[in-house]
Amino acid sequence: MALRQLRRQQGDPSSAPIIEDAWSLFPIAAAALRDRPTWRLPTPSAERVLRAMSQAGFPSVAELFDISQGIQTGLNDALLLTVEEFVAL
């Protein structure tokens, strides 16, 4: 669905954000990607809330917790393919 919507817009980044349950489509400045500490992109409304919280002086997660655990891979079965599954692609 997201690719279909992107084709309809013909790659026009000036379109209004589209927020669906399973996907979102919204423009973002290249500079915002360079300065980002994480690859995750929140929706524009979530980004506004996070920015407002930061500007209001709320502490970050790193300031509240001593985080020493690395990344968790999550549901590996969804990410790892068997040889047969790979060949079927």
PDB file of N, CA and C in Angstrom:
ATOM      1  N   MET A   1       0.805  -1.197   0.000  1.00  0.00           N
ATOM      2  CA  MET A   1       0.000   0.000   0.000  1.00  0.00           C
ATOM      3  C   MET A   1       0.852   1.267   0.000  1.00  0.00           C
ATOM      4  N   ALA A   2       1.932   1.268   0.785  1.00  0.00           N
ATOM      5  CA  ALA A   2       2.772   2.459   0.859  1.00  0.00           C
ATOM      6  C   ALA A   2       3.417   2.752  -0.491  1.00  0.00           C
ATOM      7  N   LEU A   3       3.914   1.702  -1.168  1.00  0.00           N
ATOM      8  CA  LEU A   3       4.518   1.908  -2.486  1.00  0.00           C
ATOM      9  C   LEU A   3       3.493   2.398  -3.497  1.00  0.00           C
ATOM     10  N   ARG A   4       2.296   1.865  -3.424  1.00  0.00           N
ATOM     11  CA  ARG A   4       1.230   2.302  -4.327  1.00  0.00           C
ATOM     12  C   ARG A   4       0.930   3.797  -4.110  1.00  0.00           C
ATOM     13  N   GLN A   5       0.853   4.203  -2.854  1.00  0.00           N
ATOM     14  CA  GLN A   5       0.594   5.608  -2.546  1.00  0.00           C
ATOM     15  C   GLN A   5       1.740   6.490  -3.024  1.00  0.00           C
ATOM     16  N   LEU A   6       2.974   6.026  -2.846  1.00  0.00           N
ATOM     17  CA  LEU A   6       4.135   6.787  -3.300  1.00  0.00           C
ATOM     18  C   LEU A   6       4.122   6.953  -4.813  1.00  0.00           C
ATOM     19  N   ARG A   7       3.739   5.912  -5.528  1.00  0.00           N
ATOM     20  CA  ARG A   7       3.636   6.015  -6.993  1.00  0.00           C
ATOM     21  C   ARG A   7       2.561   7.025  -7.386  1.00  0.00           C
ATOM     22  N   ARG A   8       1.441   7.013  -6.675  1.00  0.00           N
ATOM     23  CA  ARG A   8       0.377   7.982  -6.978  1.00  0.00           C
ATOM     24  C   ARG A   8       0.867   9.418  -6.822  1.00  0.00           C
ATOM     25  N   GLN A   9       1.715   9.622  -5.826  1.00  0.00           N
ATOM     26  CA  GLN A   9       2.238  10.970  -5.590  1.00  0.00           C
ATOM     27  C   GLN A   9       3.407  11.295  -6.508  1.00  0.00           C
ATOM     28  N   GLN A  10       3.858  10.321  -7.259  1.00  0.00           N
ATOM     29  CA  GLN A  10       4.979  10.475  -8.190  1.00  0.00           C
ATOM     30  C   GLN A  10       6.215  11.035  -7.490  1.00  0.00           C
ATOM     31  N   GLY A  11       6.431  10.590  -6.239  1.00  0.00           N
ATOM     32  CA  GLY A  11       7.616  11.005  -5.498  1.00  0.00           C
ATOM     33  C   GLY A  11       7.595  12.437  -5.019  1.00  0.00           C
ATOM     34  N   ASP A  12       6.451  13.091  -5.037  1.00  0.00           N
ATOM     35  CA  ASP A  12       6.352  14.490  -4.619  1.00  0.00           C
ATOM     36  C   ASP A  12       6.420  14.590  -3.103  1.00  0.00           C
ATOM     37  N   PRO A  13       7.531  15.096  -2.533  1.00  0.00           N
ATOM     38  CA  PRO A  13       7.665  15.158  -1.087  1.00  0.00           C
ATOM     39  C   PRO A  13       6.839  16.266  -0.429  1.00  0.00           C
ATOM     40  N   SER A  14       6.231  17.127  -1.214  1.00  0.00           N
ATOM     41  CA  SER A  14       5.477  18.232  -0.620  1.00  0.00           C
ATOM     42  C   SER A  14       4.072  17.815  -0.211  1.00  0.00           C
ATOM     43  N   SER A  15       3.696  16.574  -0.474  1.00  0.00           N
ATOM     44  CA  SER A  15       2.372  16.094  -0.122  1.00  0.00           C
ATOM     45  C   SER A  15       2.215  16.016   1.386  1.00  0.00           C
ATOM     46  N   ALA A  16       0.977  16.113   1.837  1.00  0.00           N
ATOM     47  CA  ALA A  16       0.684  16.020   3.265  1.00  0.00           C
ATOM     48  C   ALA A  16       1.020  14.619   3.772  1.00  0.00           C
ATOM     49  N   PRO A  17       1.448  14.493   5.017  1.00  0.00           N
ATOM     50  CA  PRO A  17       1.763  13.166   5.571  1.00  0.00           C
ATOM     51  C   PRO A  17       0.551  12.243   5.528  1.00  0.00           C
ATOM     52  N   ILE A  18       0.813  10.973   5.310  1.00  0.00           N
ATOM     53  CA  ILE A  18      -0.224   9.941   5.322  1.00  0.00           C
ATOM     54  C   ILE A  18       0.166   8.965   6.420  1.00  0.00           C
ATOM     55  N   ILE A  19      -0.686   8.846   7.437  1.00  0.00           N
ATOM     56  CA  ILE A  19      -0.414   7.978   8.571  1.00  0.00           C
ATOM     57  C   ILE A  19      -1.458   6.865   8.583  1.00  0.00           C
ATOM     58  N   GLU A  20      -1.004   5.642   8.381  1.00  0.00           N
ATOM     59  CA  GLU A  20      -1.877   4.465   8.407  1.00  0.00           C
ATOM     60  C   GLU A  20      -1.469   3.589   9.587  1.00  0.00           C
ATOM     61  N   ASP A  21      -2.238   2.542   9.844  1.00  0.00           N
ATOM     62  CA  ASP A  21      -1.915   1.646  10.959  1.00  0.00           C
ATOM     63  C   ASP A  21      -0.582   0.935  10.764  1.00  0.00           C
ATOM     64  N   ALA A  22      -0.327   0.436   9.574  1.00  0.00           N
ATOM     65  CA  ALA A  22       0.867  -0.369   9.333  1.00  0.00           C
ATOM     66  C   ALA A  22       2.009   0.399   8.671  1.00  0.00           C
ATOM     67  N   TRP A  23       1.754   1.606   8.173  1.00  0.00           N
ATOM     68  CA  TRP A  23       2.802   2.356   7.484  1.00  0.00           C
ATOM     69  C   TRP A  23       2.483   3.848   7.506  1.00  0.00           C
ATOM     70  N   SER A  24       3.519   4.641   7.265  1.00  0.00           N
ATOM     71  CA  SER A  24       3.377   6.100   7.190  1.00  0.00           C
ATOM     72  C   SER A  24       4.215   6.598   6.032  1.00  0.00           C
ATOM     73  N   LEU A  25       3.774   7.680   5.428  1.00  0.00           N
ATOM     74  CA  LEU A  25       4.489   8.284   4.320  1.00  0.00           C
ATOM     75  C   LEU A  25       4.539   9.781   4.574  1.00  0.00           C
ATOM     76  N   PHE A  26       5.748  10.315   4.781  1.00  0.00           N
ATOM     77  CA  PHE A  26       5.879  11.737   5.063  1.00  0.00           C
ATOM     78  C   PHE A  26       7.262  12.218   4.647  1.00  0.00           C
ATOM     79  N   PRO A  27       7.357  13.491   4.261  1.00  0.00           N
ATOM     80  CA  PRO A  27       8.664  14.034   3.863  1.00  0.00           C
ATOM     81  C   PRO A  27       9.526  14.309   5.090  1.00  0.00           C
ATOM     82  N   ILE A  28      10.831  14.211   4.904  1.00  0.00           N
ATOM     83  CA  ILE A  28      11.773  14.545   5.971  1.00  0.00           C
ATOM     84  C   ILE A  28      13.019  15.139   5.319  1.00  0.00           C
ATOM     85  N   ALA A  29      13.563  16.159   5.935  1.00  0.00           N
ATOM     86  CA  ALA A  29      14.749  16.831   5.398  1.00  0.00           C
ATOM     87  C   ALA A  29      15.974  15.932   5.537  1.00  0.00           C
ATOM     88  N   ALA A  30      16.865  15.967   4.564  1.00  0.00           N
ATOM     89  CA  ALA A  30      18.080  15.155   4.599  1.00  0.00           C
ATOM     90  C   ALA A  30      18.930  15.485   5.822  1.00  0.00           C
ATOM     91  N   ALA A  31      18.959  16.754   6.219  1.00  0.00           N
ATOM     92  CA  ALA A  31      19.739  17.161   7.393  1.00  0.00           C
ATOM     93  C   ALA A  31      19.230  16.474   8.661  1.00  0.00           C
ATOM     94  N   ALA A  32      17.941  16.257   8.732  1.00  0.00           N
ATOM     95  CA  ALA A  32      17.374  15.588   9.907  1.00  0.00           C
ATOM     96  C   ALA A  32      17.852  14.144   9.995  1.00  0.00           C
ATOM     97  N   LEU A  33      18.120  13.518   8.870  1.00  0.00           N
ATOM     98  CA  LEU A  33      18.617  12.145   8.873  1.00  0.00           C
ATOM     99  C   LEU A  33      20.084  12.086   9.297  1.00  0.00           C
ATOM    100  N   ARG A  34      20.860  13.078   8.878  1.00  0.00           N
ATOM    101  CA  ARG A  34      22.284  13.099   9.226  1.00  0.00           C
ATOM    102  C   ARG A  34      22.502  13.286  10.720  1.00  0.00           C
ATOM    103  N   ASP A  35      21.700  14.114  11.356  1.00  0.00           N
ATOM    104  CA  ASP A  35      21.903  14.465  12.764  1.00  0.00           C
ATOM    105  C   ASP A  35      21.188  13.521  13.724  1.00  0.00           C
ATOM    106  N   ARG A  36      20.556  12.492  13.212  1.00  0.00           N
ATOM    107  CA  ARG A  36      19.740  11.604  14.023  1.00  0.00           C
ATOM    108  C   ARG A  36      20.594  10.541  14.710  1.00  0.00           C
ATOM    109  N   PRO A  37      20.394  10.307  16.017  1.00  0.00           N
ATOM    110  CA  PRO A  37      21.165   9.275  16.707  1.00  0.00           C
ATOM    111  C   PRO A  37      20.633   7.868  16.436  1.00  0.00           C
ATOM    112  N   THR A  38      19.475   7.749  15.813  1.00  0.00           N
ATOM    113  CA  THR A  38      18.865   6.453  15.559  1.00  0.00           C
ATOM    114  C   THR A  38      18.266   6.430  14.166  1.00  0.00           C
ATOM    115  N   TRP A  39      18.088   5.247  13.617  1.00  0.00           N
ATOM    116  CA  TRP A  39      17.500   5.111  12.282  1.00  0.00           C
ATOM    117  C   TRP A  39      15.997   5.250  12.317  1.00  0.00           C
ATOM    118  N   ARG A  40      15.388   5.105  13.479  1.00  0.00           N
ATOM    119  CA  ARG A  40      13.926   5.126  13.581  1.00  0.00           C
ATOM    120  C   ARG A  40      13.386   6.528  13.335  1.00  0.00           C
ATOM    121  N   LEU A  41      12.366   6.607  12.499  1.00  0.00           N
ATOM    122  CA  LEU A  41      11.735   7.892  12.207  1.00  0.00           C
ATOM    123  C   LEU A  41      10.325   7.920  12.795  1.00  0.00           C
ATOM    124  N   PRO A  42      10.099   8.700  13.835  1.00  0.00           N
ATOM    125  CA  PRO A  42       8.732   8.816  14.344  1.00  0.00           C
ATOM    126  C   PRO A  42       7.871   9.619  13.374  1.00  0.00           C
ATOM    127  N   THR A  43       6.575   9.482  13.497  1.00  0.00           N
ATOM    128  CA  THR A  43       5.673  10.264  12.655  1.00  0.00           C
ATOM    129  C   THR A  43       5.872  11.746  12.961  1.00  0.00           C
ATOM    130  N   PRO A  44       5.472  12.633  12.056  1.00  0.00           N
ATOM    131  CA  PRO A  44       5.630  14.066  12.323  1.00  0.00           C
ATOM    132  C   PRO A  44       4.970  14.506  13.636  1.00  0.00           C
ATOM    133  N   SER A  45       3.809  13.968  13.972  1.00  0.00           N
ATOM    134  CA  SER A  45       3.157  14.373  15.228  1.00  0.00           C
ATOM    135  C   SER A  45       3.950  13.872  16.435  1.00  0.00           C
ATOM    136  N   ALA A  46       4.470  12.652  16.376  1.00  0.00           N
ATOM    137  CA  ALA A  46       5.294  12.137  17.477  1.00  0.00           C
ATOM    138  C   ALA A  46       6.587  12.935  17.588  1.00  0.00           C
ATOM    139  N   GLU A  47       7.152  13.317  16.461  1.00  0.00           N
ATOM    140  CA  GLU A  47       8.371  14.139  16.460  1.00  0.00           C
ATOM    141  C   GLU A  47       8.125  15.475  17.155  1.00  0.00           C
ATOM    142  N   ARG A  48       6.965  16.083  16.890  1.00  0.00           N
ATOM    143  CA  ARG A  48       6.628  17.354  17.557  1.00  0.00           C
ATOM    144  C   ARG A  48       6.512  17.173  19.065  1.00  0.00           C
ATOM    145  N   VAL A  49       5.887  16.091  19.494  1.00  0.00           N
ATOM    146  CA  VAL A  49       5.733  15.823  20.931  1.00  0.00           C
ATOM    147  C   VAL A  49       7.106  15.615  21.575  1.00  0.00           C
ATOM    148  N   LEU A  50       7.960  14.816  20.939  1.00  0.00           N
ATOM    149  CA  LEU A  50       9.293  14.581  21.476  1.00  0.00           C
ATOM    150  C   LEU A  50      10.108  15.869  21.559  1.00  0.00           C
ATOM    151  N   ARG A  51      10.014  16.710  20.535  1.00  0.00           N
ATOM    152  CA  ARG A  51      10.737  17.986  20.536  1.00  0.00           C
ATOM    153  C   ARG A  51      10.224  18.891  21.654  1.00  0.00           C
ATOM    154  N   ALA A  52       8.896  18.945  21.833  1.00  0.00           N
ATOM    155  CA  ALA A  52       8.306  19.772  22.887  1.00  0.00           C
ATOM    156  C   ALA A  52       8.736  19.287  24.268  1.00  0.00           C
ATOM    157  N   MET A  53       8.789  17.973  24.448  1.00  0.00           N
ATOM    158  CA  MET A  53       9.229  17.429  25.736  1.00  0.00           C
ATOM    159  C   MET A  53      10.687  17.781  26.006  1.00  0.00           C
ATOM    160  N   SER A  54      11.508  17.702  24.986  1.00  0.00           N
ATOM    161  CA  SER A  54      12.920  18.046  25.125  1.00  0.00           C
ATOM    162  C   SER A  54      13.087  19.525  25.464  1.00  0.00           C
ATOM    163  N   GLN A  55      12.347  20.382  24.769  1.00  0.00           N
ATOM    164  CA  GLN A  55      12.426  21.819  25.014  1.00  0.00           C
ATOM    165  C   GLN A  55      11.866  22.206  26.376  1.00  0.00           C
ATOM    166  N   ALA A  56      10.935  21.396  26.903  1.00  0.00           N
ATOM    167  CA  ALA A  56      10.352  21.670  28.219  1.00  0.00           C
ATOM    168  C   ALA A  56      11.273  21.215  29.349  1.00  0.00           C
ATOM    169  N   GLY A  57      12.350  20.533  28.991  1.00  0.00           N
ATOM    170  CA  GLY A  57      13.317  20.128  29.997  1.00  0.00           C
ATOM    171  C   GLY A  57      13.097  18.740  30.578  1.00  0.00           C
ATOM    172  N   PHE A  58      12.217  17.958  29.962  1.00  0.00           N
ATOM    173  CA  PHE A  58      12.034  16.592  30.436  1.00  0.00           C
ATOM    174  C   PHE A  58      13.330  15.817  30.231  1.00  0.00           C
ATOM    175  N   PRO A  59      13.684  14.945  31.173  1.00  0.00           N
ATOM    176  CA  PRO A  59      14.925  14.175  31.003  1.00  0.00           C
ATOM    177  C   PRO A  59      14.787  13.119  29.913  1.00  0.00           C
ATOM    178  N   SER A  60      15.911  12.770  29.312  1.00  0.00           N
ATOM    179  CA  SER A  60      15.912  11.710  28.305  1.00  0.00           C
ATOM    180  C   SER A  60      15.992  10.357  29.002  1.00  0.00           C
ATOM    181  N   VAL A  61      15.754   9.303  28.254  1.00  0.00           N
ATOM    182  CA  VAL A  61      15.848   7.952  28.811  1.00  0.00           C
ATOM    183  C   VAL A  61      17.260   7.705  29.329  1.00  0.00           C
ATOM    184  N   ALA A  62      18.266   8.165  28.596  1.00  0.00           N
ATOM    185  CA  ALA A  62      19.656   7.974  29.008  1.00  0.00           C
ATOM    186  C   ALA A  62      19.956   8.682  30.330  1.00  0.00           C
ATOM    187  N   GLU A  63      19.256   9.768  30.605  1.00  0.00           N
ATOM    188  CA  GLU A  63      19.457  10.478  31.864  1.00  0.00           C
ATOM    189  C   GLU A  63      18.755   9.780  33.030  1.00  0.00           C
ATOM    190  N   LEU A  64      17.721   9.013  32.750  1.00  0.00           N
ATOM    191  CA  LEU A  64      16.969   8.335  33.796  1.00  0.00           C
ATOM    192  C   LEU A  64      17.493   6.931  34.113  1.00  0.00           C
ATOM    193  N   PHE A  65      18.059   6.265  33.091  1.00  0.00           N
ATOM    194  CA  PHE A  65      18.459   4.875  33.252  1.00  0.00           C
ATOM    195  C   PHE A  65      19.900   4.680  32.806  1.00  0.00           C
ATOM    196  N   ASP A  66      20.553   3.707  33.418  1.00  0.00           N
ATOM    197  CA  ASP A  66      21.886   3.302  32.988  1.00  0.00           C
ATOM    198  C   ASP A  66      21.697   2.147  32.011  1.00  0.00           C
ATOM    199  N   ILE A  67      21.720   2.446  30.736  1.00  0.00           N
ATOM    200  CA  ILE A  67      21.436   1.458  29.709  1.00  0.00           C
ATOM    201  C   ILE A  67      22.737   0.783  29.307  1.00  0.00           C
ATOM    202  N   SER A  68      22.823  -0.524  29.575  1.00  0.00           N
ATOM    203  CA  SER A  68      24.044  -1.244  29.231  1.00  0.00           C
ATOM    204  C   SER A  68      23.755  -2.480  28.398  1.00  0.00           C
ATOM    205  N   GLN A  69      22.545  -2.614  27.938  1.00  0.00           N
ATOM    206  CA  GLN A  69      22.170  -3.763  27.121  1.00  0.00           C
ATOM    207  C   GLN A  69      22.238  -3.364  25.656  1.00  0.00           C
ATOM    208  N   GLY A  70      22.753  -4.251  24.838  1.00  0.00           N
ATOM    209  CA  GLY A  70      22.827  -3.991  23.401  1.00  0.00           C
ATOM    210  C   GLY A  70      21.472  -4.174  22.750  1.00  0.00           C
ATOM    211  N   ILE A  71      21.477  -4.133  21.445  1.00  0.00           N
ATOM    212  CA  ILE A  71      20.235  -4.256  20.682  1.00  0.00           C
ATOM    213  C   ILE A  71      19.658  -5.662  20.812  1.00  0.00           C
ATOM    214  N   GLN A  72      18.349  -5.734  20.892  1.00  0.00           N
ATOM    215  CA  GLN A  72      17.676  -7.024  20.870  1.00  0.00           C
ATOM    216  C   GLN A  72      17.149  -7.237  19.462  1.00  0.00           C
ATOM    217  N   THR A  73      17.346  -8.419  18.944  1.00  0.00           N
ATOM    218  CA  THR A  73      16.945  -8.658  17.556  1.00  0.00           C
ATOM    219  C   THR A  73      15.463  -8.896  17.409  1.00  0.00           C
ATOM    220  N   GLY A  74      14.777  -9.245  18.465  1.00  0.00           N
ATOM    221  CA  GLY A  74      13.337  -9.444  18.354  1.00  0.00           C
ATOM    222  C   GLY A  74      12.988 -10.810  17.796  1.00  0.00           C
ATOM    223  N   LEU A  75      12.020 -10.834  16.925  1.00  0.00           N
ATOM    224  CA  LEU A  75      11.498 -12.084  16.373  1.00  0.00           C
ATOM    225  C   LEU A  75      12.380 -12.538  15.215  1.00  0.00           C
ATOM    226  N   ASN A  76      13.409 -13.318  15.533  1.00  0.00           N
ATOM    227  CA  ASN A  76      14.358 -13.762  14.507  1.00  0.00           C
ATOM    228  C   ASN A  76      13.698 -14.576  13.409  1.00  0.00           C
ATOM    229  N   ASP A  77      12.658 -15.343  13.761  1.00  0.00           N
ATOM    230  CA  ASP A  77      11.991 -16.159  12.743  1.00  0.00           C
ATOM    231  C   ASP A  77      11.426 -15.297  11.621  1.00  0.00           C
ATOM    232  N   ALA A  78      11.083 -14.057  11.917  1.00  0.00           N
ATOM    233  CA  ALA A  78      10.553 -13.170  10.894  1.00  0.00           C
ATOM    234  C   ALA A  78      11.670 -12.577  10.040  1.00  0.00           C
ATOM    235  N   LEU A  79      12.890 -12.593  10.542  1.00  0.00           N
ATOM    236  CA  LEU A  79      14.000 -11.954   9.841  1.00  0.00           C
ATOM    237  C   LEU A  79      14.962 -12.936   9.173  1.00  0.00           C
ATOM    238  N   LEU A  80      15.038 -14.148   9.690  1.00  0.00           N
ATOM    239  CA  LEU A  80      15.981 -15.133   9.165  1.00  0.00           C
ATOM    240  C   LEU A  80      15.260 -16.101   8.244  1.00  0.00           C
ATOM    241  N   LEU A  81      15.819 -16.305   7.065  1.00  0.00           N
ATOM    242  CA  LEU A  81      15.210 -17.197   6.088  1.00  0.00           C
ATOM    243  C   LEU A  81      15.972 -18.507   6.025  1.00  0.00           C
ATOM    244  N   THR A  82      15.234 -19.579   5.773  1.00  0.00           N
ATOM    245  CA  THR A  82      15.892 -20.845   5.486  1.00  0.00           C
ATOM    246  C   THR A  82      16.385 -20.784   4.038  1.00  0.00           C
ATOM    247  N   VAL A  83      17.202 -21.746   3.653  1.00  0.00           N
ATOM    248  CA  VAL A  83      17.696 -21.798   2.274  1.00  0.00           C
ATOM    249  C   VAL A  83      16.528 -21.913   1.303  1.00  0.00           C
ATOM    250  N   GLU A  84      15.544 -22.734   1.645  1.00  0.00           N
ATOM    251  CA  GLU A  84      14.390 -22.933   0.766  1.00  0.00           C
ATOM    252  C   GLU A  84      13.588 -21.638   0.606  1.00  0.00           C
ATOM    253  N   GLU A  85      13.410 -20.907   1.694  1.00  0.00           N
ATOM    254  CA  GLU A  85      12.683 -19.642   1.623  1.00  0.00           C
ATOM    255  C   GLU A  85      13.436 -18.625   0.768  1.00  0.00           C
ATOM    256  N   PHE A  86      14.776 -18.605   0.914  1.00  0.00           N
ATOM    257  CA  PHE A  86      15.587 -17.684   0.122  1.00  0.00           C
ATOM    258  C   PHE A  86      15.515 -18.009  -1.358  1.00  0.00           C
ATOM    259  N   VAL A  87      15.609 -19.288  -1.693  1.00  0.00           N
ATOM    260  CA  VAL A  87      15.546 -19.715  -3.091  1.00  0.00           C
ATOM    261  C   VAL A  87      14.171 -19.380  -3.669  1.00  0.00           C
ATOM    262  N   ALA A  88      13.119 -19.498  -2.850  1.00  0.00           N
ATOM    263  CA  ALA A  88      11.765 -19.204  -3.327  1.00  0.00           C
ATOM    264  C   ALA A  88      11.573 -17.725  -3.678  1.00  0.00           C
ATOM    265  N   LEU A  89      12.398 -16.879  -3.088  1.00  0.00           N
ATOM    266  CA  LEU A  89      12.281 -15.448  -3.409  1.00  0.00           C
ATOM    267  C   LEU A  89      12.724 -15.182  -4.834  1.00  0.00           C
TER     268      LEU A  89
END
